[in-house]
Protein backbone atom coordinates (compact mmCIF):
# COMPACT_ATOMS: atom_id res chain seq x y z
CA UNK A 1 0.22 0.17 -0.32
CA UNK A 2 0.95 3.39 -1.04
CA UNK A 3 1.83 5.90 1.83
CA UNK A 4 -0.87 8.70 2.14
CA UNK A 5 1.59 11.30 1.73
CA UNK A 6 5.23 11.63 0.23
CA UNK A 7 8.09 12.44 2.24
CA UNK A 8 8.00 15.66 0.68
CA UNK A 9 4.42 16.19 1.40
CA UNK A 10 5.09 15.54 4.78
CA UNK A 11 8.40 17.98 5.23
CA UNK A 12 6.21 20.59 3.73
CA UNK A 13 3.27 19.90 5.90
CA UNK A 14 5.96 20.07 8.79
CA UNK A 15 6.72 23.90 7.65
CA UNK A 16 3.34 24.69 7.71
CA UNK A 17 2.61 23.41 11.03
CA UNK A 18 5.64 24.96 11.92
CA UNK A 19 4.57 28.66 11.40
CA UNK A 20 0.92 27.77 12.80
CA UNK A 21 2.72 27.39 15.83
CA UNK A 22 4.69 30.19 15.89
CA UNK A 23 1.37 32.18 15.11
CA UNK A 24 -0.35 30.34 17.99
CA UNK A 25 1.50 31.90 20.44
CA UNK A 26 0.29 35.39 19.79
CA UNK A 27 -3.22 34.15 19.03
CA UNK A 28 -4.18 30.36 19.55
CA UNK A 29 -6.28 28.98 16.82
CA UNK A 30 -8.04 26.17 16.68
CA UNK A 31 -9.02 24.42 12.82
CA UNK A 32 -12.44 22.79 13.11
CA UNK A 33 -13.61 20.46 10.16
CA UNK A 34 -16.94 20.26 9.02
CA UNK A 35 -17.77 17.61 7.01
CA UNK A 36 -20.18 14.78 6.16
CA UNK A 37 -21.88 13.33 3.48
CA UNK A 38 -24.44 14.58 1.12
CA UNK A 39 -27.53 16.40 2.53
CA UNK A 40 -26.07 16.33 6.04
CA UNK A 41 -26.02 20.18 6.69
CA UNK A 42 -22.61 21.40 6.60
CA UNK A 43 -23.42 24.73 5.89
CA UNK A 44 -26.46 25.61 7.70
CA UNK A 45 -24.39 24.29 10.79
CA UNK A 46 -21.26 26.54 10.48
CA UNK A 47 -24.14 29.53 9.23
CA UNK A 48 -25.68 28.32 12.70
CA UNK A 49 -22.71 28.02 14.69
CA UNK A 50 -21.46 31.86 13.70
CA UNK A 51 -24.87 33.42 14.01
CA UNK A 52 -25.35 32.44 17.69
CA UNK A 53 -21.98 33.17 18.83
CA UNK A 54 -21.77 36.41 17.42
CA UNK A 55 -25.91 37.64 18.13
CA UNK A 56 -26.20 35.83 21.88
CA UNK A 57 -28.12 32.82 21.05
CA UNK A 58 -29.69 30.46 23.65
CA UNK A 59 -26.59 27.92 24.54
CA UNK A 60 -26.89 27.38 28.38
CA UNK A 61 -25.04 24.14 27.77
CA UNK A 62 -22.12 25.87 26.22
CA UNK A 63 -20.04 27.06 29.55
CA UNK A 64 -18.23 30.21 28.29
CA UNK A 65 -21.57 31.82 27.18
CA UNK A 66 -23.85 30.52 29.85
CA UNK A 67 -21.54 31.51 32.79
CA UNK A 68 -21.21 35.38 30.63
CA UNK A 69 -17.38 34.73 30.51
CA UNK A 70 -17.53 34.88 26.44
CA UNK A 71 -16.87 38.56 25.57
CA UNK A 72 -17.86 38.59 21.84
CA UNK A 73 -17.25 37.12 18.99
CA UNK A 74 -16.76 38.80 15.25
CA UNK A 75 -15.69 37.55 11.97
CA UNK A 76 -12.03 38.40 10.43
CA UNK A 77 -10.49 38.63 7.29
CA UNK A 78 -9.67 35.65 5.46
CA UNK A 79 -6.35 33.74 7.34
CA UNK A 80 -5.67 31.88 3.88
CA UNK A 81 -4.94 33.77 0.72
CA UNK A 82 -5.66 30.84 -1.43
CA UNK A 83 -8.93 29.09 -0.34
CA UNK A 84 -12.40 30.66 -0.96
CA UNK A 85 -14.29 32.78 1.85
CA UNK A 86 -17.32 30.85 3.05
CA UNK A 87 -20.44 32.87 2.25
CA UNK A 88 -21.87 33.40 6.13
CA UNK A 89 -23.53 36.40 4.84
CA UNK A 90 -25.53 34.99 2.26
CA UNK A 91 -26.10 31.77 3.77
CA UNK A 92 -27.51 33.96 7.45
CA UNK A 93 -29.46 35.95 4.40
CA UNK A 94 -31.36 32.83 3.49
CA UNK A 95 -31.86 31.25 6.45
CA UNK A 96 -32.69 34.44 7.94
CA UNK A 97 -34.82 36.72 5.56
CA UNK A 98 -36.09 34.81 2.99
CA UNK A 99 -36.03 31.05 5.09
CA UNK A 100 -34.91 28.93 2.89
CA UNK A 101 -31.80 26.47 2.90
CA UNK A 102 -28.41 27.85 1.43
CA UNK A 103 -27.54 26.17 -1.09
CA UNK A 104 -25.19 23.03 -0.47
CA UNK A 105 -21.03 22.97 -0.01
CA UNK A 106 -19.55 22.73 -3.51
CA UNK A 107 -15.95 23.44 -2.97
CA UNK A 108 -13.44 24.45 0.16
CA UNK A 109 -14.14 27.33 2.15
CA UNK A 110 -13.14 28.58 5.15
CA UNK A 111 -14.24 31.12 7.57
CA UNK A 112 -12.47 32.83 10.80
CA UNK A 113 -14.30 33.39 13.65
CA UNK A 114 -12.19 35.82 16.41
CA UNK A 115 -13.66 34.61 20.24
CA UNK A 116 -12.70 37.27 22.76
CA UNK A 117 -13.57 35.78 26.62
CA UNK A 118 -12.66 35.99 30.22
CA UNK A 119 -10.83 32.85 31.52
CA UNK A 120 -12.17 30.41 33.97
CA UNK A 121 -8.93 30.64 35.69
CA UNK A 122 -8.42 33.37 38.53
CA UNK A 123 -4.51 33.87 37.65
CA UNK A 124 -5.46 34.05 33.71
CA UNK A 125 -7.96 36.84 33.71
CA UNK A 126 -5.24 38.99 35.88
CA UNK A 127 -3.30 38.74 32.59
CA UNK A 128 -5.50 39.74 30.65
CA UNK A 129 -8.81 38.95 28.08
CA UNK A 130 -8.51 35.47 26.24
CA UNK A 131 -8.25 35.47 22.56
CA UNK A 132 -9.49 32.26 20.36
CA UNK A 133 -9.15 32.37 16.28
CA UNK A 134 -11.66 29.37 15.21
CA UNK A 135 -11.14 28.67 11.96
CA UNK A 136 -14.29 26.88 10.31
CA UNK A 137 -13.19 24.52 7.51
CA UNK A 138 -15.73 22.94 5.16
CA UNK A 139 -15.37 20.72 2.49
CA UNK A 140 -18.09 18.69 0.85
CA UNK A 141 -18.83 15.29 1.76
CA UNK A 142 -18.08 13.92 -1.78
CA UNK A 143 -14.32 14.87 -1.37
CA UNK A 144 -14.66 12.67 1.84
CA UNK A 145 -15.19 9.80 0.00
CA UNK A 146 -11.47 9.70 -2.07
CA UNK A 147 -9.45 9.41 0.97
CA UNK A 148 -9.48 6.08 0.92
CA UNK A 149 -8.29 5.76 -2.25
CA UNK A 150 -4.73 6.86 -1.15
CA UNK A 151 -3.75 4.08 -0.16
CA UNK A 152 -5.73 1.66 -2.71
CA UNK A 153 -4.11 0.79 -5.88
CA UNK A 154 -6.27 0.59 -9.52
CA UNK A 155 -6.47 -3.23 -9.01
CA UNK A 156 -8.02 -2.35 -5.49
CA UNK A 157 -10.20 0.01 -6.53
CA UNK A 158 -11.42 -2.28 -9.46
CA UNK A 159 -12.24 -5.03 -6.96
CA UNK A 160 -14.17 -3.10 -4.91
CA UNK A 161 -16.03 -1.10 -7.36
CA UNK A 162 -17.24 -4.13 -9.06
CA UNK A 163 -17.91 -5.90 -5.93
CA UNK A 164 -20.46 -2.99 -5.05
CA UNK A 165 -21.79 -2.86 -8.64
CA UNK A 166 -23.01 -6.50 -8.69
CA UNK A 167 -24.52 -5.96 -5.26
CA UNK A 168 -28.72 -7.01 -5.22
CA UNK A 169 -29.26 -3.01 -4.17
CA UNK A 170 -27.12 -1.64 -6.88
CA UNK A 171 -27.11 -4.26 -9.90
CA UNK A 172 -30.23 -2.82 -11.52
CA UNK A 173 -28.88 0.97 -11.75
CA UNK A 174 -25.80 -0.42 -12.74
CA UNK A 175 -26.81 -2.41 -15.66
CA UNK A 176 -25.56 -0.09 -18.63
CA UNK A 177 -22.23 0.57 -16.69
CA UNK A 178 -21.79 -3.13 -16.71
CA UNK A 179 -22.97 -3.87 -20.18
CA UNK A 180 -20.92 -1.15 -20.74
CA UNK A 181 -18.07 -3.08 -19.37
CA UNK A 182 -18.84 -6.28 -20.89
CA UNK A 183 -17.74 -5.06 -24.40
CA UNK A 184 -14.47 -4.57 -23.79
CA UNK A 185 -11.01 -6.58 -21.67
CA UNK A 186 -8.51 -4.63 -19.73
CA UNK A 187 -6.25 -5.75 -22.75
CA UNK A 188 -7.52 -4.01 -25.45
CA UNK A 189 -5.48 -1.25 -27.02
CA UNK A 190 -6.46 2.02 -25.03
CA UNK A 191 -9.02 4.12 -26.92
CA UNK A 192 -10.37 7.60 -25.69
CA UNK A 193 -13.65 6.91 -27.13
CA UNK A 194 -13.95 3.52 -24.92
CA UNK A 195 -13.02 5.42 -22.04
CA UNK A 196 -15.06 8.25 -22.44
CA UNK A 197 -18.22 5.67 -22.57
CA UNK A 198 -17.11 3.66 -19.60
CA UNK A 199 -16.74 6.92 -17.76
CA UNK A 200 -19.81 8.37 -18.84
CA UNK A 201 -22.01 5.32 -17.57
CA UNK A 202 -19.91 5.02 -14.43
CA UNK A 203 -21.01 8.62 -12.95
CA UNK A 204 -24.86 7.84 -14.42
CA UNK A 205 -25.00 4.79 -11.88
CA UNK A 206 -22.91 7.08 -9.12
CA UNK A 207 -25.46 9.54 -9.31
CA UNK A 208 -28.40 7.02 -9.44
CA UNK A 209 -26.80 5.50 -6.21
CA UNK A 210 -27.41 8.99 -4.50
CA UNK A 211 -30.87 9.31 -5.59
CA UNK A 212 -33.02 10.15 -2.78
CA UNK A 213 -35.06 6.69 -3.09
CA UNK A 214 -31.39 4.55 -2.68
CA UNK A 215 -29.52 7.10 -0.92
CA UNK A 216 -26.46 5.14 -0.96
CA UNK A 217 -23.13 6.64 0.21
CA UNK A 218 -20.20 4.46 -0.89
CA UNK A 219 -19.85 6.39 -3.81
CA UNK A 220 -16.05 6.87 -4.90
CA UNK A 221 -14.49 8.67 -6.73
CA UNK A 222 -16.14 11.83 -5.46
CA UNK A 223 -15.24 14.18 -7.54
CA UNK A 224 -17.12 11.97 -10.28
CA UNK A 225 -20.62 13.39 -8.72
CA UNK A 226 -18.89 17.34 -7.82
CA UNK A 227 -16.39 17.71 -10.95
CA UNK A 228 -16.20 21.44 -10.95
CA UNK A 229 -13.60 22.82 -13.14
CA UNK A 230 -12.20 19.10 -13.80
CA UNK A 231 -15.19 18.35 -15.79
CA UNK A 232 -13.93 16.39 -18.68
CA UNK A 233 -10.22 16.06 -18.28
CA UNK A 234 -8.58 12.77 -18.43
CA UNK A 235 -8.23 12.76 -14.83
CA UNK A 236 -11.91 12.61 -14.40
CA UNK A 237 -12.50 10.28 -17.72
CA UNK A 238 -11.58 6.68 -16.46
CA UNK A 239 -13.48 3.80 -14.66
CA UNK A 240 -12.86 0.44 -13.09
CA UNK A 241 -12.62 -2.57 -15.33
CA UNK A 242 -12.91 -6.27 -14.25
CA UNK A 243 -9.31 -7.05 -13.78
CA UNK A 244 -8.61 -10.98 -12.55
CA UNK A 245 -7.20 -11.15 -9.12
CA UNK A 246 -3.84 -13.02 -10.64
CA UNK A 247 -3.88 -10.60 -13.47
CA UNK A 248 0.01 -9.23 -14.30
CA UNK A 249 0.68 -5.97 -14.50
CA UNK A 250 -0.62 -3.77 -17.10
CA UNK A 251 1.07 -3.86 -20.26
CA UNK A 252 1.61 -0.66 -22.02
CA UNK A 253 -0.47 0.60 -24.51
CA UNK A 254 -3.56 -1.33 -23.18
CA UNK A 255 -7.06 0.25 -22.12
CA UNK A 256 -6.01 -0.97 -18.02
CA UNK A 257 -2.55 1.15 -18.66
CA UNK A 258 -4.53 4.34 -19.79
CA UNK A 259 -6.83 3.47 -16.98
CA UNK A 260 -4.72 2.80 -14.12
CA UNK A 261 -2.36 6.14 -15.33
CA UNK A 262 -5.78 8.19 -14.83
CA UNK A 263 -6.76 6.84 -11.51
CA UNK A 264 -3.22 7.57 -10.19
CA UNK A 265 -3.36 11.04 -11.34
CA UNK A 266 -7.01 11.52 -9.76
CA UNK A 267 -5.00 10.85 -6.68
CA UNK A 268 -1.99 12.99 -7.46
CA UNK A 269 -3.78 16.16 -9.05
CA UNK A 270 -7.33 16.33 -7.30
CA UNK A 271 -7.37 13.92 -3.48
CA UNK A 272 -3.65 14.22 -2.53
CA UNK A 273 -3.39 18.15 -2.54
CA UNK A 274 -7.02 18.19 -0.52
CA UNK A 275 -5.29 15.47 2.08
CA UNK A 276 -2.24 17.55 2.85
CA UNK A 277 -3.75 21.32 2.30
CA UNK A 278 -6.42 20.97 3.96
CA UNK A 279 -7.11 17.42 5.73
CA UNK A 280 -4.18 16.97 7.07
CA UNK A 281 -4.35 20.44 9.02
CA UNK A 282 -7.08 19.96 11.26
CA UNK A 283 -7.42 20.15 14.85
CA UNK A 284 -10.69 18.97 15.72
CA UNK A 285 -13.46 17.39 13.45
CA UNK A 286 -17.08 17.13 13.41
CA UNK A 287 -18.79 14.59 11.40
CA UNK A 288 -22.13 15.33 10.34
CA UNK A 289 -24.47 12.41 9.23
CA UNK A 290 -27.99 12.19 7.67
CA UNK A 291 -28.90 9.19 9.55
CA UNK A 292 -32.62 9.28 8.68
CA UNK A 293 -32.02 9.69 5.19
CA UNK A 294 -30.52 6.04 4.92
CA UNK A 295 -33.12 4.68 7.99
CA UNK A 296 -36.20 5.57 5.47
CA UNK A 297 -34.60 3.81 2.23
CA UNK A 298 -34.17 0.45 4.13
CA UNK A 299 -31.36 -1.58 5.78
CA UNK A 300 -28.89 -1.51 2.92
CA UNK A 301 -28.74 1.96 2.27
CA UNK A 302 -27.91 2.05 6.48
CA UNK A 303 -25.14 -0.33 6.02
CA UNK A 304 -23.90 1.13 2.85
CA UNK A 305 -23.58 4.57 5.06
CA UNK A 306 -21.79 2.33 7.58
CA UNK A 307 -19.31 1.18 5.22
CA UNK A 308 -18.27 4.93 3.88
CA UNK A 309 -18.48 6.14 7.29
CA UNK A 310 -15.42 3.03 8.30
CA UNK A 311 -13.56 3.47 4.99
CA UNK A 312 -13.43 7.64 5.16
CA UNK A 313 -12.90 7.68 9.04
CA UNK A 314 -9.45 4.94 9.05
CA UNK A 315 -8.05 8.25 7.07
CA UNK A 316 -8.72 10.75 10.23
CA UNK A 317 -5.13 11.37 12.12
CA UNK A 318 -6.39 11.35 15.75
CA UNK A 319 -4.27 11.65 18.45
CA UNK A 320 -3.76 13.45 21.86
CA UNK A 321 -2.72 17.38 21.87
CA UNK A 322 0.49 17.83 22.31
CA UNK A 323 2.36 21.37 21.18
CA UNK A 324 6.10 19.49 20.38
CA UNK A 325 4.03 17.02 18.11
CA UNK A 326 1.73 19.47 16.53
CA UNK A 327 5.15 20.85 15.29
CA UNK A 328 5.75 17.84 13.68
CA UNK A 329 2.13 16.59 12.46
CA UNK A 330 -0.89 18.00 13.70
CA UNK A 331 -3.24 15.81 15.16
CA UNK A 332 -7.31 15.65 15.41
CA UNK A 333 -7.87 15.46 19.35
CA UNK A 334 -11.24 15.95 19.32
CA UNK A 335 -14.10 13.94 16.69
CA UNK A 336 -17.88 14.94 17.00
CA UNK A 337 -20.10 12.93 15.08
CA UNK A 338 -23.93 14.53 15.02
CA UNK A 339 -26.91 13.16 13.58
CA UNK A 340 -28.46 15.79 11.96
CA UNK A 341 -32.45 16.90 11.20
CA UNK A 342 -32.99 15.92 15.09
CA UNK A 343 -36.02 18.51 14.78
CA UNK A 344 -37.77 15.83 12.48
CA UNK A 345 -38.29 13.73 15.59
CA UNK A 346 -40.15 14.22 18.80
CA UNK A 347 -37.40 14.62 21.71
CA UNK A 348 -38.53 10.78 23.09
CA UNK A 349 -36.88 9.66 20.08
CA UNK A 350 -33.34 11.85 20.30
CA UNK A 351 -32.16 9.32 22.45
CA UNK A 352 -32.46 6.37 19.66
CA UNK A 353 -31.46 8.58 16.72
CA UNK A 354 -27.74 8.97 18.73
CA UNK A 355 -27.76 5.13 19.22
CA UNK A 356 -28.37 4.72 15.76
CA UNK A 357 -25.81 6.82 15.13
CA UNK A 358 -23.32 5.38 17.92
CA UNK A 359 -23.59 1.97 15.72
CA UNK A 360 -23.12 3.34 12.20
CA UNK A 361 -19.61 4.69 13.40
CA UNK A 362 -18.24 2.27 16.45
CA UNK A 363 -15.26 1.19 14.28
CA UNK A 364 -14.67 4.75 14.15
CA UNK A 365 -14.77 5.69 17.36
CA UNK A 366 -12.95 2.83 18.59
CA UNK A 367 -9.80 3.97 16.05
CA UNK A 368 -9.99 7.51 17.38
CA UNK A 369 -10.17 6.38 21.25
CA UNK A 370 -7.20 4.03 20.94
CA UNK A 371 -4.97 6.80 18.87
CA UNK A 372 -6.03 9.08 22.46
CA UNK A 373 -8.52 11.36 20.41
CA UNK A 374 -11.30 12.42 22.56
CA UNK A 375 -15.01 11.63 20.96
CA UNK A 376 -18.56 12.04 21.27
CA UNK A 377 -21.71 11.70 19.46
CA UNK A 378 -25.11 13.66 19.59
CA UNK A 379 -28.15 13.83 17.97
CA UNK A 380 -28.59 17.49 17.12
CA UNK A 381 -30.52 20.34 14.59
CA UNK A 382 -28.33 23.15 14.32
CA UNK A 383 -31.38 25.18 12.80
CA UNK A 384 -34.56 23.90 14.20
CA UNK A 385 -37.37 23.91 11.82
CA UNK A 386 -39.83 22.41 14.02
CA UNK A 387 -41.80 22.87 17.44
CA UNK A 388 -43.30 20.04 19.35
CA UNK A 389 -47.01 19.39 20.19
CA UNK A 390 -49.08 16.84 20.97
CA UNK A 391 -51.95 15.09 18.52
CA UNK A 392 -55.12 13.03 19.17
CA UNK A 393 -55.77 10.63 16.41
CA UNK A 394 -58.20 7.62 16.67
CA UNK A 395 -58.95 8.95 20.63
CA UNK A 396 -54.79 8.26 21.15
CA UNK A 397 -52.74 11.10 22.29
CA UNK A 398 -49.55 11.19 20.10
CA UNK A 399 -46.37 13.01 20.28
CA UNK A 400 -46.05 15.30 17.08
CA UNK A 401 -43.81 17.91 15.24
CA UNK A 402 -44.76 21.18 13.92
CA UNK A 403 -43.71 23.10 11.18
CA UNK A 404 -44.20 24.92 7.59
CA UNK A 405 -43.20 22.81 4.82
CA UNK A 406 -41.41 23.85 2.02
CA UNK A 407 -43.42 25.24 -1.23
CA UNK A 408 -44.36 21.84 -3.35
CA UNK A 409 -43.59 19.73 -0.14
CA UNK A 410 -46.65 16.83 -0.63
CA UNK A 411 -47.74 15.22 2.56
CA UNK A 412 -50.40 12.56 2.72
CA UNK A 413 -51.48 13.68 -0.49
CA UNK A 414 -51.61 17.69 -0.01
CA UNK A 415 -49.42 20.13 -1.62
CA UNK A 416 -48.06 23.03 0.61
CA UNK A 417 -47.53 26.56 -0.99
CA UNK A 418 -45.02 27.24 2.18
CA UNK A 419 -47.04 29.59 4.20
CA UNK A 420 -49.08 26.72 6.03
CA UNK A 421 -48.26 25.24 8.95
CA UNK A 422 -48.72 21.56 9.28
CA UNK A 423 -48.76 18.97 12.92
CA UNK A 424 -47.86 15.40 12.05
CA UNK A 425 -46.56 12.32 14.15
CA UNK A 426 -43.28 11.80 12.47
CA UNK A 427 -42.88 8.23 13.38
CA UNK A 428 -41.20 6.08 16.05
CA UNK A 429 -37.27 4.76 16.04
CA UNK A 430 -37.11 1.46 17.68
CA UNK A 431 -35.59 0.66 21.05
CA UNK A 432 -32.63 -1.59 19.65
CA UNK A 433 -30.91 0.10 16.94
CA UNK A 434 -29.92 -3.57 15.77
CA UNK A 435 -33.09 -4.37 14.80
CA UNK A 436 -32.56 -1.66 12.03
CA UNK A 437 -29.85 -3.18 10.51
CA UNK A 438 -30.97 -6.77 10.68
CA UNK A 439 -34.52 -5.43 8.82
CA UNK A 440 -36.10 -7.55 11.81
CA UNK A 441 -38.07 -4.68 12.99
CA UNK A 442 -39.86 -1.48 11.47
CA UNK A 443 -38.54 1.99 11.78
CA UNK A 444 -42.12 3.24 12.56
CA UNK A 445 -43.86 0.82 15.54
CA UNK A 446 -47.37 2.57 16.01
CA UNK A 447 -48.12 2.79 11.95
CA UNK A 448 -45.72 0.41 9.87
CA UNK A 449 -44.74 3.33 8.09
CA UNK A 450 -41.37 5.31 7.62
CA UNK A 451 -40.21 8.07 9.84
CA UNK A 452 -41.74 11.25 8.07
CA UNK A 453 -39.12 13.24 6.80
CA UNK A 454 -40.77 16.37 5.90
CA UNK A 455 -38.44 19.48 4.24
CA UNK A 456 -39.76 22.17 6.40
CA UNK A 457 -38.64 25.84 5.99
CA UNK A 458 -36.45 27.66 8.53
CA UNK A 459 -38.44 28.98 11.17
CA UNK A 460 -39.15 32.85 11.11
CA UNK A 461 -36.99 34.10 14.12
CA UNK A 462 -38.73 35.30 16.96
CA UNK A 463 -39.03 38.34 18.64
CA UNK A 464 -39.25 39.02 22.46
CA UNK A 465 -41.67 41.91 24.19
CA UNK A 466 -38.90 44.38 24.17
CA UNK A 467 -38.27 44.47 20.28
CA UNK A 468 -35.33 41.87 20.33
CA UNK A 469 -35.23 39.68 17.88
CA UNK A 470 -33.39 36.46 18.92
CA UNK A 471 -30.84 34.05 17.24
CA UNK A 472 -31.82 30.79 14.93
CA UNK A 473 -33.04 28.31 17.36
CA UNK A 474 -31.53 24.82 17.40
CA UNK A 475 -31.11 21.48 19.12
CA UNK A 476 -28.27 20.88 20.82
CA UNK A 477 -25.81 23.46 18.73
CA UNK A 478 -24.62 24.51 22.24
CA UNK A 479 -23.79 21.01 23.28
CA UNK A 480 -21.85 20.52 20.07
CA UNK A 481 -20.08 23.86 20.50
CA UNK A 482 -19.12 23.09 24.37
CA UNK A 483 -17.41 19.44 22.70
CA UNK A 484 -15.14 21.08 20.14
CA UNK A 485 -13.73 24.30 21.60
CA UNK A 486 -15.00 24.34 25.18
CA UNK A 487 -11.73 23.58 26.66
CA UNK A 488 -9.71 26.12 24.90
CA UNK A 489 -12.21 28.97 26.40
CA UNK A 490 -11.66 27.74 29.88
């Protein structure tokens, strides 16, 4: 297996860490990575976190704020000149003014928030007010899927891709790609038209797997679903081939040699720079997971999500925080796994949602803790779009949620206009998460239906009697903030 980074890359990373450590002597910095697979809510999380810290949100579980030690939080100029700035103002306007969800992450972006605070230590308070730079690094979940490729040869990538494509859940949507593959052999002469046909059908198959009805997660290479400026380049024009396990090395001029060369170019020019310049420089990480979306698609989607998370979490660089060690190799010393969209369930089911996520990331948790990192799991909603209520159905009181569905959203045959509020019973999660993975138990014990994941509009901000506008409501965002940076504000 090849190393993730070359010696030259490691040396370059070490120099970057050395410069960062020198800057930390003036004002300490925490680089927080925000990631997750598609639809997990990365953009919403960053926007809600910044908005609540800057505008005095309701954060009782965030100790520095609850104890009155947080003086202020304000945005600073972009710290990395070559990285796009996270468009906080535009995303906040979407949520607050237009009450629409902001567009999803399409590229790496960054935002610096500087937090001024009073230390909890009497001696430290006498030395002056504390200050912390929080650098929020947002990157697409699809790119996260590419990191395991750094440890895989082209033959290993092909073997894994073929096993997935022939699985019962995928074989139907993979039929066009498999049919195109059946017309070629790895030893055929290299041909650009053949490469383009295979790559196009492979991308169509991956896109079909990501569709809401299937909700599959293990879909590398990630840039095939989000090519950006690389659209049409040779580095994105390859596909897996049927390579026998006992096959010799690829012969020059063959289709296999062509595909293998482009696969290695993809790793060298797309994946490795992302890992070196962004991922390997993180101090802490939150991984957002849309468990409910996979849950509704069935046990196969949950197993696929578990596989995807297990793969990518092995590429993290967890470890205990050490100033001396961080100069040589930065380590992620805290990782938070968050099941998003907890507002789509009644609070009675939040612990069950958290237990499901715990089951999904168990291997990753064990790996991180073994290396010395602190790990936590939480069910949360960075922006709470619903309220809780009780409805009576057939003489039975049921816990319900109230919210305004997005325009065009359909619920029980009715289409909503984006202005009318609705109360629904969202369904129940089972007590035992194992029963969901085995498919032995329905995810709704009361009526046998799936959890109703309705897309609600962001809520209107509440005004107090004095005319003060409150910050974006949430569920356990304060607990997430406390775990991720609370110790750095002590």
